[in-house]
């Protein structure tokens, strides 16, 4: 795993927590922030996945 994959996973988890907290207290803004964090985390994790795949493809056997 590279740092982009780790950060993406952490951002997604943070987004899930924010969204759940927002739903629990009825705070739509917190829910929206959670959704945004989840989306940004997913994108960052995909970037990390692509970097990892490229590294695997270019490594010498």
PDB file of N, CA and C in Angstrom:
ATOM      1  N   UNK A   1       0.836  -1.191   0.000  1.00  0.00           N
ATOM      2  CA  UNK A   1       0.000   0.000   0.000  1.00  0.00           C
ATOM      3  C   UNK A   1       0.873   1.244   0.000  1.00  0.00           C
ATOM      4  N   UNK A   2       0.422   2.237  -0.716  1.00  0.00           N
ATOM      5  CA  UNK A   2       1.146   3.502  -0.718  1.00  0.00           C
ATOM      6  C   UNK A   2       0.346   4.544   0.066  1.00  0.00           C
ATOM      7  N   UNK A   3       0.943   5.717   0.214  1.00  0.00           N
ATOM      8  CA  UNK A   3       0.321   6.741   1.068  1.00  0.00           C
ATOM      9  C   UNK A   3      -1.023   7.223   0.531  1.00  0.00           C
ATOM     10  N   UNK A   4      -1.203   7.216  -0.792  1.00  0.00           N
ATOM     11  CA  UNK A   4      -2.490   7.644  -1.349  1.00  0.00           C
ATOM     12  C   UNK A   4      -3.597   6.648  -1.007  1.00  0.00           C
ATOM     13  N   UNK A   5      -3.282   5.379  -1.045  1.00  0.00           N
ATOM     14  CA  UNK A   5      -4.271   4.371  -0.687  1.00  0.00           C
ATOM     15  C   UNK A   5      -4.655   4.490   0.785  1.00  0.00           C
ATOM     16  N   UNK A   6      -3.682   4.687   1.640  1.00  0.00           N
ATOM     17  CA  UNK A   6      -3.949   4.804   3.074  1.00  0.00           C
ATOM     18  C   UNK A   6      -4.767   6.053   3.365  1.00  0.00           C
ATOM     19  N   UNK A   7      -4.359   7.185   2.805  1.00  0.00           N
ATOM     20  CA  UNK A   7      -5.083   8.435   3.057  1.00  0.00           C
ATOM     21  C   UNK A   7      -6.502   8.359   2.500  1.00  0.00           C
ATOM     22  N   UNK A   8      -6.652   7.755   1.323  1.00  0.00           N
ATOM     23  CA  UNK A   8      -7.986   7.607   0.748  1.00  0.00           C
ATOM     24  C   UNK A   8      -8.893   6.769   1.621  1.00  0.00           C
ATOM     25  N   UNK A   9      -8.365   5.680   2.138  1.00  0.00           N
ATOM     26  CA  UNK A   9      -9.143   4.815   3.018  1.00  0.00           C
ATOM     27  C   UNK A   9      -9.526   5.549   4.299  1.00  0.00           C
ATOM     28  N   UNK A  10      -8.590   6.311   4.846  1.00  0.00           N
ATOM     29  CA  UNK A  10      -8.878   7.073   6.069  1.00  0.00           C
ATOM     30  C   UNK A  10      -9.930   8.151   5.814  1.00  0.00           C
ATOM     31  N   UNK A  11      -9.845   8.823   4.679  1.00  0.00           N
ATOM     32  CA  UNK A  11     -10.836   9.855   4.361  1.00  0.00           C
ATOM     33  C   UNK A  11     -12.223   9.250   4.177  1.00  0.00           C
ATOM     34  N   UNK A  12     -12.285   8.081   3.550  1.00  0.00           N
ATOM     35  CA  UNK A  12     -13.575   7.412   3.389  1.00  0.00           C
ATOM     36  C   UNK A  12     -14.164   7.057   4.742  1.00  0.00           C
ATOM     37  N   UNK A  13     -13.333   6.546   5.643  1.00  0.00           N
ATOM     38  CA  UNK A  13     -13.811   6.189   6.982  1.00  0.00           C
ATOM     39  C   UNK A  13     -14.288   7.424   7.732  1.00  0.00           C
ATOM     40  N   UNK A  14     -13.518   8.510   7.616  1.00  0.00           N
ATOM     41  CA  UNK A  14     -13.904   9.764   8.270  1.00  0.00           C
ATOM     42  C   UNK A  14     -15.241  10.252   7.716  1.00  0.00           C
ATOM     43  N   UNK A  15     -15.432  10.095   6.425  1.00  0.00           N
ATOM     44  CA  UNK A  15     -16.686  10.503   5.803  1.00  0.00           C
ATOM     45  C   UNK A  15     -17.867   9.691   6.305  1.00  0.00           C
ATOM     46  N   UNK A  16     -17.665   8.387   6.480  1.00  0.00           N
ATOM     47  CA  UNK A  16     -18.740   7.550   7.011  1.00  0.00           C
ATOM     48  C   UNK A  16     -19.124   7.995   8.423  1.00  0.00           C
ATOM     49  N   UNK A  17     -18.131   8.300   9.234  1.00  0.00           N
ATOM     50  CA  UNK A  17     -18.396   8.738  10.610  1.00  0.00           C
ATOM     51  C   UNK A  17     -19.150  10.071  10.610  1.00  0.00           C
ATOM     52  N   UNK A  18     -18.681  11.018   9.801  1.00  0.00           N
ATOM     53  CA  UNK A  18     -19.353  12.325   9.746  1.00  0.00           C
ATOM     54  C   UNK A  18     -20.788  12.182   9.262  1.00  0.00           C
ATOM     55  N   UNK A  19     -20.988  11.368   8.246  1.00  0.00           N
ATOM     56  CA  UNK A  19     -22.330  11.194   7.708  1.00  0.00           C
ATOM     57  C   UNK A  19     -23.254  10.581   8.768  1.00  0.00           C
ATOM     58  N   UNK A  20     -22.777   9.555   9.456  1.00  0.00           N
ATOM     59  CA  UNK A  20     -23.586   8.913  10.495  1.00  0.00           C
ATOM     60  C   UNK A  20     -23.889   9.886  11.636  1.00  0.00           C
ATOM     61  N   UNK A  21     -22.890  10.668  12.028  1.00  0.00           N
ATOM     62  CA  UNK A  21     -23.103  11.648  13.095  1.00  0.00           C
ATOM     63  C   UNK A  21     -24.113  12.704  12.652  1.00  0.00           C
ATOM     64  N   UNK A  22     -23.999  13.137  11.412  1.00  0.00           N
ATOM     65  CA  UNK A  22     -24.938  14.122  10.888  1.00  0.00           C
ATOM     66  C   UNK A  22     -26.361  13.605  10.878  1.00  0.00           C
ATOM     67  N   UNK A  23     -26.520  12.330  10.489  1.00  0.00           N
ATOM     68  CA  UNK A  23     -27.854  11.733  10.493  1.00  0.00           C
ATOM     69  C   UNK A  23     -28.391  11.618  11.915  1.00  0.00           C
ATOM     70  N   UNK A  24     -27.515  11.237  12.840  1.00  0.00           N
ATOM     71  CA  UNK A  24     -27.946  11.027  14.229  1.00  0.00           C
ATOM     72  C   UNK A  24     -28.443  12.316  14.880  1.00  0.00           C
ATOM     73  N   UNK A  25     -27.790  13.424  14.575  1.00  0.00           N
ATOM     74  CA  UNK A  25     -28.185  14.682  15.213  1.00  0.00           C
ATOM     75  C   UNK A  25     -29.032  15.565  14.294  1.00  0.00           C
ATOM     76  N   UNK A  26     -29.291  15.090  13.079  1.00  0.00           N
ATOM     77  CA  UNK A  26     -30.122  15.861  12.156  1.00  0.00           C
ATOM     78  C   UNK A  26     -29.412  17.055  11.546  1.00  0.00           C
ATOM     79  N   UNK A  27     -28.098  16.965  11.399  1.00  0.00           N
ATOM     80  CA  UNK A  27     -27.305  18.057  10.849  1.00  0.00           C
ATOM     81  C   UNK A  27     -26.991  17.762   9.375  1.00  0.00           C
ATOM     82  N   UNK A  28     -27.701  18.431   8.475  1.00  0.00           N
ATOM     83  CA  UNK A  28     -27.536  18.174   7.044  1.00  0.00           C
ATOM     84  C   UNK A  28     -26.152  18.596   6.544  1.00  0.00           C
ATOM     85  N   UNK A  29     -25.592  19.641   7.125  1.00  0.00           N
ATOM     86  CA  UNK A  29     -24.270  20.109   6.705  1.00  0.00           C
ATOM     87  C   UNK A  29     -23.202  19.051   7.007  1.00  0.00           C
ATOM     88  N   UNK A  30     -23.287  18.466   8.181  1.00  0.00           N
ATOM     89  CA  UNK A  30     -22.334  17.424   8.566  1.00  0.00           C
ATOM     90  C   UNK A  30     -22.489  16.194   7.667  1.00  0.00           C
ATOM     91  N   UNK A  31     -23.717  15.860   7.314  1.00  0.00           N
ATOM     92  CA  UNK A  31     -23.956  14.759   6.393  1.00  0.00           C
ATOM     93  C   UNK A  31     -23.314  15.055   5.033  1.00  0.00           C
ATOM     94  N   UNK A  32     -23.485  16.273   4.551  1.00  0.00           N
ATOM     95  CA  UNK A  32     -22.916  16.659   3.262  1.00  0.00           C
ATOM     96  C   UNK A  32     -21.390  16.612   3.302  1.00  0.00           C
ATOM     97  N   UNK A  33     -20.802  17.070   4.414  1.00  0.00           N
ATOM     98  CA  UNK A  33     -19.341  16.997   4.555  1.00  0.00           C
ATOM     99  C   UNK A  33     -18.879  15.547   4.536  1.00  0.00           C
ATOM    100  N   UNK A  34     -19.642  14.682   5.180  1.00  0.00           N
ATOM    101  CA  UNK A  34     -19.314  13.268   5.191  1.00  0.00           C
ATOM    102  C   UNK A  34     -19.342  12.668   3.800  1.00  0.00           C
ATOM    103  N   UNK A  35     -20.362  13.018   3.037  1.00  0.00           N
ATOM    104  CA  UNK A  35     -20.450  12.530   1.659  1.00  0.00           C
ATOM    105  C   UNK A  35     -19.291  13.039   0.816  1.00  0.00           C
ATOM    106  N   UNK A  36     -18.920  14.290   1.014  1.00  0.00           N
ATOM    107  CA  UNK A  36     -17.797  14.859   0.264  1.00  0.00           C
ATOM    108  C   UNK A  36     -16.492  14.173   0.649  1.00  0.00           C
ATOM    109  N   UNK A  37     -16.291  13.909   1.938  1.00  0.00           N
ATOM    110  CA  UNK A  37     -15.084  13.211   2.384  1.00  0.00           C
ATOM    111  C   UNK A  37     -15.021  11.801   1.808  1.00  0.00           C
ATOM    112  N   UNK A  38     -16.164  11.119   1.767  1.00  0.00           N
ATOM    113  CA  UNK A  38     -16.187   9.771   1.209  1.00  0.00           C
ATOM    114  C   UNK A  38     -15.823   9.791  -0.267  1.00  0.00           C
ATOM    115  N   UNK A  39     -16.355  10.751  -1.007  1.00  0.00           N
ATOM    116  CA  UNK A  39     -16.064  10.841  -2.435  1.00  0.00           C
ATOM    117  C   UNK A  39     -14.599  11.175  -2.679  1.00  0.00           C
ATOM    118  N   UNK A  40     -14.079  12.131  -1.932  1.00  0.00           N
ATOM    119  CA  UNK A  40     -12.680  12.510  -2.103  1.00  0.00           C
ATOM    120  C   UNK A  40     -11.758  11.368  -1.699  1.00  0.00           C
ATOM    121  N   UNK A  41     -12.120  10.622  -0.668  1.00  0.00           N
ATOM    122  CA  UNK A  41     -11.331   9.480  -0.245  1.00  0.00           C
ATOM    123  C   UNK A  41     -11.317   8.376  -1.290  1.00  0.00           C
ATOM    124  N   UNK A  42     -12.469   8.159  -1.910  1.00  0.00           N
ATOM    125  CA  UNK A  42     -12.556   7.136  -2.959  1.00  0.00           C
ATOM    126  C   UNK A  42     -11.664   7.493  -4.140  1.00  0.00           C
ATOM    127  N   UNK A  43     -11.672   8.768  -4.525  1.00  0.00           N
ATOM    128  CA  UNK A  43     -10.833   9.205  -5.640  1.00  0.00           C
ATOM    129  C   UNK A  43      -9.356   9.048  -5.278  1.00  0.00           C
ATOM    130  N   UNK A  44      -8.984   9.466  -4.085  1.00  0.00           N
ATOM    131  CA  UNK A  44      -7.582   9.370  -3.687  1.00  0.00           C
ATOM    132  C   UNK A  44      -7.129   7.913  -3.611  1.00  0.00           C
ATOM    133  N   UNK A  45      -7.999   7.033  -3.142  1.00  0.00           N
ATOM    134  CA  UNK A  45      -7.643   5.621  -3.077  1.00  0.00           C
ATOM    135  C   UNK A  45      -7.440   5.066  -4.484  1.00  0.00           C
ATOM    136  N   UNK A  46      -8.278   5.467  -5.431  1.00  0.00           N
ATOM    137  CA  UNK A  46      -8.119   5.009  -6.819  1.00  0.00           C
ATOM    138  C   UNK A  46      -6.803   5.501  -7.401  1.00  0.00           C
ATOM    139  N   UNK A  47      -6.419   6.728  -7.082  1.00  0.00           N
ATOM    140  CA  UNK A  47      -5.124   7.251  -7.534  1.00  0.00           C
ATOM    141  C   UNK A  47      -4.003   6.370  -6.999  1.00  0.00           C
ATOM    142  N   UNK A  48      -4.098   6.018  -5.733  1.00  0.00           N
ATOM    143  CA  UNK A  48      -3.107   5.139  -5.129  1.00  0.00           C
ATOM    144  C   UNK A  48      -3.098   3.765  -5.771  1.00  0.00           C
ATOM    145  N   UNK A  49      -4.286   3.250  -6.105  1.00  0.00           N
ATOM    146  CA  UNK A  49      -4.374   1.955  -6.769  1.00  0.00           C
ATOM    147  C   UNK A  49      -3.679   1.993  -8.129  1.00  0.00           C
ATOM    148  N   UNK A  50      -3.889   3.074  -8.868  1.00  0.00           N
ATOM    149  CA  UNK A  50      -3.256   3.212 -10.186  1.00  0.00           C
ATOM    150  C   UNK A  50      -1.740   3.307 -10.035  1.00  0.00           C
ATOM    151  N   UNK A  51      -1.283   4.087  -9.066  1.00  0.00           N
ATOM    152  CA  UNK A  51       0.164   4.191  -8.837  1.00  0.00           C
ATOM    153  C   UNK A  51       0.762   2.832  -8.490  1.00  0.00           C
ATOM    154  N   UNK A  52       0.064   2.084  -7.651  1.00  0.00           N
ATOM    155  CA  UNK A  52       0.546   0.760  -7.238  1.00  0.00           C
ATOM    156  C   UNK A  52       0.582  -0.193  -8.441  1.00  0.00           C
ATOM    157  N   UNK A  53      -0.437  -0.130  -9.280  1.00  0.00           N
ATOM    158  CA  UNK A  53      -0.469  -0.982 -10.468  1.00  0.00           C
ATOM    159  C   UNK A  53       0.656  -0.617 -11.430  1.00  0.00           C
ATOM    160  N   UNK A  54       0.888   0.675 -11.602  1.00  0.00           N
ATOM    161  CA  UNK A  54       1.967   1.120 -12.488  1.00  0.00           C
ATOM    162  C   UNK A  54       3.321   0.667 -11.951  1.00  0.00           C
ATOM    163  N   UNK A  55       3.487   0.747 -10.641  1.00  0.00           N
ATOM    164  CA  UNK A  55       4.751   0.321 -10.030  1.00  0.00           C
ATOM    165  C   UNK A  55       4.958  -1.187 -10.243  1.00  0.00           C
ATOM    166  N   UNK A  56       3.880  -1.953 -10.116  1.00  0.00           N
ATOM    167  CA  UNK A  56       3.966  -3.390 -10.306  1.00  0.00           C
ATOM    168  C   UNK A  56       4.317  -3.734 -11.753  1.00  0.00           C
ATOM    169  N   UNK A  57       3.712  -3.008 -12.684  1.00  0.00           N
ATOM    170  CA  UNK A  57       3.960  -3.271 -14.096  1.00  0.00           C
ATOM    171  C   UNK A  57       5.382  -2.902 -14.516  1.00  0.00           C
ATOM    172  N   UNK A  58       5.946  -1.877 -13.902  1.00  0.00           N
ATOM    173  CA  UNK A  58       7.254  -1.413 -14.310  1.00  0.00           C
ATOM    174  C   UNK A  58       8.395  -2.041 -13.518  1.00  0.00           C
ATOM    175  N   UNK A  59       8.070  -2.814 -12.481  1.00  0.00           N
ATOM    176  CA  UNK A  59       9.134  -3.432 -11.698  1.00  0.00           C
ATOM    177  C   UNK A  59       9.744  -4.600 -12.475  1.00  0.00           C
ATOM    178  N   UNK A  60      11.023  -4.774 -12.290  1.00  0.00           N
ATOM    179  CA  UNK A  60      11.724  -5.842 -12.991  1.00  0.00           C
ATOM    180  C   UNK A  60      11.575  -7.152 -12.215  1.00  0.00           C
ATOM    181  N   UNK A  61      11.378  -8.269 -12.925  1.00  0.00           N
ATOM    182  CA  UNK A  61      11.200  -9.563 -12.242  1.00  0.00           C
ATOM    183  C   UNK A  61      12.466 -10.072 -11.585  1.00  0.00           C
TER     184      UNK A  61
END
